[in-house]
Amino acid sequence: MKTITVLELKQRINEGETIQMLDVREADERAEFNIGGVFLPLGNIMAMQLDDIEDMKETEIVCYCRSGNRSMQACLMLESLGFSNVKNLVGGMNEWQLNS
């Protein structure tokens, strides 16, 4: 599984790069703090409810959650389902907020 740091991701965004991001947190967490990205809670991935991202199998996808643990699980599951370029955001939104 590939990873990306918050600083690397922010740099790429600041340089104008379009990056597909996948928020695997729960709705209440997203309501508290949101950086965008497709909202698909980990439970939906585990239930293989992937309609919103099915067309992204070949696209780079950065998965994130609160701390990086659930997004790591999401990355592993997506890889097993044929998604070829998923990355886990190390430290998740906790790290994002520390580096704001």
Protein backbone atom coordinates (compact mmCIF):
# COMPACT_ATOMS: atom_id res chain seq x y z
CA MET A 1 0.00 0.00 0.00
CA LYS A 2 1.24 3.44 -0.94
CA THR A 3 1.11 6.43 1.39
CA ILE A 4 1.21 10.19 1.06
CA THR A 5 1.94 12.75 3.75
CA VAL A 6 -0.23 15.77 4.48
CA LEU A 7 2.60 18.08 3.39
CA GLU A 8 2.97 16.26 0.06
CA LEU A 9 -0.77 16.35 -0.56
CA LYS A 10 -1.10 20.03 0.35
CA GLN A 11 1.82 20.90 -1.92
CA ARG A 12 0.26 19.09 -4.86
CA ILE A 13 -3.10 20.81 -4.22
CA ASN A 14 -1.40 24.21 -3.91
CA GLU A 15 0.33 23.59 -7.23
CA GLY A 16 -3.10 23.23 -8.83
CA GLU A 17 -3.05 19.49 -9.31
CA THR A 18 -6.46 17.81 -9.37
CA ILE A 19 -6.44 14.92 -6.95
CA GLN A 20 -9.26 12.48 -6.29
CA MET A 21 -9.75 12.22 -2.53
CA LEU A 22 -11.93 9.75 -0.69
CA ASP A 23 -13.26 10.58 2.79
CA VAL A 24 -13.96 7.30 4.62
CA ARG A 25 -15.01 8.88 7.92
CA GLU A 26 -18.53 8.93 9.34
CA ALA A 27 -20.99 11.73 8.56
CA ASP A 28 -20.60 13.44 11.94
CA GLU A 29 -16.82 13.60 11.54
CA ARG A 30 -17.18 15.06 8.05
CA ALA A 31 -19.64 17.67 9.36
CA GLU A 32 -17.07 18.85 11.91
CA PHE A 33 -14.21 19.29 9.44
CA ASN A 34 -14.23 18.74 5.70
CA ILE A 35 -11.54 19.17 3.04
CA GLY A 36 -13.72 17.92 0.18
CA GLY A 37 -13.36 14.61 -1.53
CA VAL A 38 -15.92 11.95 -2.28
CA PHE A 39 -17.73 10.89 0.88
CA LEU A 40 -17.79 7.09 1.19
CA PRO A 41 -17.67 5.79 4.78
CA LEU A 42 -15.57 2.71 5.40
CA GLY A 43 -18.70 0.69 6.18
CA ASN A 44 -19.97 1.32 2.65
CA ILE A 45 -16.69 0.10 1.20
CA MET A 46 -16.87 -3.01 3.37
CA ALA A 47 -20.42 -3.59 2.05
CA MET A 48 -19.01 -3.04 -1.47
CA GLN A 49 -21.30 -0.08 -2.15
CA LEU A 50 -18.86 1.50 -4.58
CA ASP A 51 -21.11 3.05 -7.23
CA ASP A 52 -19.75 6.56 -6.55
CA ILE A 53 -16.16 5.56 -7.28
CA GLU A 54 -16.41 2.59 -9.65
CA ASP A 55 -15.14 4.73 -12.55
CA MET A 56 -11.97 5.64 -10.60
CA LYS A 57 -10.30 2.20 -10.71
CA GLU A 58 -7.31 3.51 -12.69
CA THR A 59 -7.23 6.97 -11.06
CA GLU A 60 -4.98 7.97 -8.18
CA ILE A 61 -7.18 8.11 -5.08
CA VAL A 62 -6.04 9.51 -1.72
CA CYS A 63 -8.05 7.95 1.10
CA TYR A 64 -8.32 9.75 4.41
CA CYS A 65 -10.01 9.45 7.79
CA ARG A 66 -9.43 10.95 11.24
CA SER A 67 -6.07 9.32 11.98
CA GLY A 68 -5.14 7.14 9.00
CA ASN A 69 -6.25 3.75 10.35
CA ARG A 70 -9.64 3.42 8.65
CA SER A 71 -8.26 4.88 5.44
CA MET A 72 -5.51 2.25 5.53
CA GLN A 73 -8.21 -0.44 5.71
CA ALA A 74 -10.07 1.27 2.86
CA CYS A 75 -6.92 1.29 0.73
CA LEU A 76 -6.33 -2.41 1.29
CA MET A 77 -9.94 -3.25 0.45
CA LEU A 78 -9.95 -1.08 -2.67
CA GLU A 79 -6.70 -2.65 -3.86
CA SER A 80 -8.23 -6.10 -3.43
CA LEU A 81 -11.18 -4.92 -5.57
CA GLY A 82 -8.96 -3.85 -8.46
CA PHE A 83 -8.27 -0.19 -7.69
CA SER A 84 -4.71 0.20 -8.87
CA ASN A 85 -3.50 3.53 -7.44
CA VAL A 86 -4.79 4.18 -3.92
CA LYS A 87 -2.80 6.03 -1.28
CA ASN A 88 -3.36 6.40 2.44
CA LEU A 89 -3.06 9.90 3.92
CA VAL A 90 -0.65 9.40 6.83
CA GLY A 91 -2.08 10.88 10.04
CA GLY A 92 -5.41 11.74 8.42
CA MET A 93 -7.36 14.83 9.40
CA ASN A 94 -5.59 15.03 12.75
CA GLU A 95 -2.31 15.63 10.92
CA TRP A 96 -4.02 17.93 8.37
CA GLN A 97 -5.26 20.23 11.12
CA LEU A 98 -1.87 20.26 12.84
CA ASN A 99 -0.27 21.46 9.59
CA SER A 100 -2.83 24.15 8.74
